Protein backbone atom coordinates (compact mmCIF):
# COMPACT_ATOMS: atom_id res chain seq x y z
CA MET A 1 7.27 55.12 55.18
CA VAL A 2 7.93 51.71 53.69
CA LYS A 3 5.55 48.97 54.75
CA THR A 4 7.13 45.87 56.28
CA PHE A 5 5.75 43.37 53.79
CA ARG A 6 6.92 45.50 50.86
CA LEU A 7 10.44 45.77 52.26
CA ARG A 8 10.55 42.02 52.86
CA ARG A 9 9.30 41.33 49.32
CA LEU A 10 11.90 43.64 47.77
CA LEU A 11 14.76 42.11 49.73
CA ALA A 12 13.69 38.51 49.18
CA LYS A 13 14.03 38.41 45.40
CA SER A 14 17.16 40.50 44.96
CA GLY A 15 20.72 39.57 45.63
CA ILE A 16 21.94 43.11 44.99
CA LEU A 17 22.50 43.95 48.62
CA ARG A 18 24.17 40.63 49.38
CA SER A 19 26.49 40.92 46.37
CA ALA A 20 27.29 44.52 47.29
CA ILE A 21 28.27 43.49 50.81
CA LEU A 22 30.38 40.61 49.47
CA ALA A 23 32.12 42.93 47.00
CA PHE A 24 32.77 45.43 49.79
CA ILE A 25 34.37 42.76 51.98
CA LEU A 26 36.48 41.54 49.04
CA GLY A 27 37.52 45.12 48.31
CA GLN A 28 38.54 45.70 51.91
CA LEU A 29 40.59 42.48 51.94
CA CYS A 30 42.36 43.57 48.74
CA LEU A 31 42.99 47.01 50.22
CA LEU A 32 44.42 45.64 53.45
CA THR A 33 46.55 43.06 51.66
CA GLY A 34 47.89 45.72 49.30
CA MET A 35 48.72 48.01 52.19
CA GLY A 36 50.45 45.16 53.94
CA LEU A 37 52.55 44.36 50.91
CA SER A 38 53.52 47.97 50.20
CA TYR A 39 54.05 49.09 53.79
CA ARG A 40 55.13 45.82 55.30
CA VAL A 41 57.33 47.59 57.85
CA LEU A 42 54.19 48.97 59.54
CA ILE A 43 51.92 45.94 59.23
CA VAL A 44 54.35 42.99 59.30
CA PRO A 45 52.84 41.23 62.35
CA MET A 46 49.42 40.93 60.66
CA LEU A 47 50.30 40.21 57.02
CA ARG A 48 53.70 38.50 57.05
CA TRP A 49 52.35 35.42 55.30
CA ALA A 50 50.93 37.52 52.44
CA ALA A 51 54.33 39.05 51.76
CA GLN A 52 56.04 35.64 51.79
CA VAL A 53 53.49 34.10 49.42
CA THR A 54 53.74 37.08 47.08
CA ARG A 55 57.53 36.98 47.04
CA ALA A 56 57.53 33.24 46.37
CA GLY A 57 55.02 33.65 43.53
CA VAL A 58 56.74 36.68 42.03
CA GLY A 59 60.15 35.02 42.37
CA THR A 60 59.16 32.46 39.75
CA PHE A 61 58.52 35.17 37.15
CA VAL A 62 61.13 37.89 37.79
CA PRO A 63 64.84 37.88 38.62
CA PRO A 64 65.75 37.79 42.33
CA GLU A 65 67.01 41.40 42.36
CA SER A 66 63.60 42.69 41.17
CA VAL A 67 61.43 40.79 43.63
CA ALA A 68 61.21 43.65 46.18
CA ILE A 69 60.09 46.32 43.72
CA THR A 70 57.66 43.90 42.05
CA ALA A 71 56.10 43.12 45.43
CA HIS A 72 55.57 46.85 45.99
CA PHE A 73 53.87 47.17 42.60
CA ALA A 74 51.68 44.18 43.45
CA GLY A 75 50.76 45.93 46.70
CA LEU A 76 49.92 49.13 44.82
CA PHE A 77 47.74 47.18 42.38
CA LEU A 78 45.90 45.45 45.25
CA MET A 79 45.32 48.78 47.01
CA ILE A 80 43.84 50.33 43.87
CA ALA A 81 41.68 47.25 43.27
CA GLY A 82 40.51 47.32 46.89
CA ILE A 83 39.56 51.00 46.75
CA TYR A 84 37.71 50.49 43.46
CA LEU A 85 35.79 47.43 44.67
CA SER A 86 34.89 49.16 47.94
CA PHE A 87 33.61 52.21 46.07
CA ILE A 88 31.49 50.15 43.68
CA ALA A 89 30.06 48.02 46.49
CA MET A 90 29.19 51.00 48.68
CA ARG A 91 27.53 52.76 45.74
CA GLN A 92 25.42 49.68 44.98
CA ALA A 93 24.43 49.22 48.61
CA ILE A 94 23.51 52.88 49.06
CA ASN A 95 21.52 52.95 45.82
CA HIS A 96 19.67 49.82 46.87
CA MET A 97 18.83 51.16 50.32
CA VAL A 98 17.79 54.57 49.00
CA GLY A 99 15.58 52.88 46.44
CA ILE A 100 13.85 50.85 49.13
CA LEU A 101 13.40 53.74 51.54
CA ASN A 102 12.36 56.32 48.92
CA PRO A 103 10.30 54.59 46.23
CA ASN A 104 9.39 57.91 44.57
CA THR A 105 12.82 58.31 42.98
CA SER A 106 13.20 57.61 39.29
CA GLY A 107 15.82 55.90 37.18
CA THR A 108 17.41 52.77 38.56
CA LEU A 109 14.66 52.22 41.08
CA ASP A 110 11.98 52.24 38.39
CA LEU A 111 13.91 49.61 36.46
CA PHE A 112 14.33 47.52 39.61
CA LEU A 113 10.64 47.72 40.51
CA ARG A 114 9.65 46.88 36.93
CA ARG A 115 11.86 43.79 36.99
CA GLN A 116 10.35 42.71 40.30
CA GLN A 117 6.86 43.14 38.89
CA LEU A 118 7.73 41.17 35.74
CA LEU A 119 9.20 38.34 37.80
CA GLN A 120 5.89 37.95 39.63
CA GLY A 121 4.01 37.59 36.34
CA PRO A 122 0.85 39.29 35.15
CA ARG A 123 -2.27 39.53 37.28
CA ILE A 124 -5.15 38.99 34.92
CA ALA A 125 -8.69 37.87 35.60
CA VAL A 126 -10.98 37.14 32.65
CA LEU A 127 -14.61 36.21 32.28
CA GLY A 128 -16.18 34.52 29.33
CA GLY A 129 -14.81 32.30 26.65
CA GLY A 130 -14.53 31.98 22.96
CA THR A 131 -12.01 32.44 20.22
CA GLY A 132 -11.31 36.11 20.87
CA LEU A 133 -10.49 35.59 24.52
CA SER A 134 -7.86 32.92 23.90
CA THR A 135 -6.23 35.12 21.24
CA LEU A 136 -6.21 38.07 23.62
CA LEU A 137 -4.66 36.05 26.45
CA ARG A 138 -2.01 34.61 24.11
CA GLY A 139 -1.12 38.15 23.04
CA LEU A 140 -0.86 39.31 26.66
CA LYS A 141 1.39 36.38 27.52
């Protein structure tokens, strides 16, 4: 079982979980917007403004007769981007949680724990003094 202070210490210094959640939310927004643009007949009440903004923006770059098909391609692109971002975010979040709950795993977790340990700095206690000690401490630094 993970001790409370260790869990708190791991979560305090990493923004991995927060960035994963933010990426997941962004991915879901892209997915929903893409679905709304491609299947606007089904979702018109919720995403009407997105279709109007897209058509106005696309209308400046393509001829008026191609605006509808271009909006569908924009919707397809947003759906693919949303699925991809959601997948990446969920994978990061799951890896982070598994690493916290099961510290005996190897690979990414070992790298994460090593980085956390290096951020805290070395824990060295020395006794004595002289020229050799200062050289040793400079080498350890």
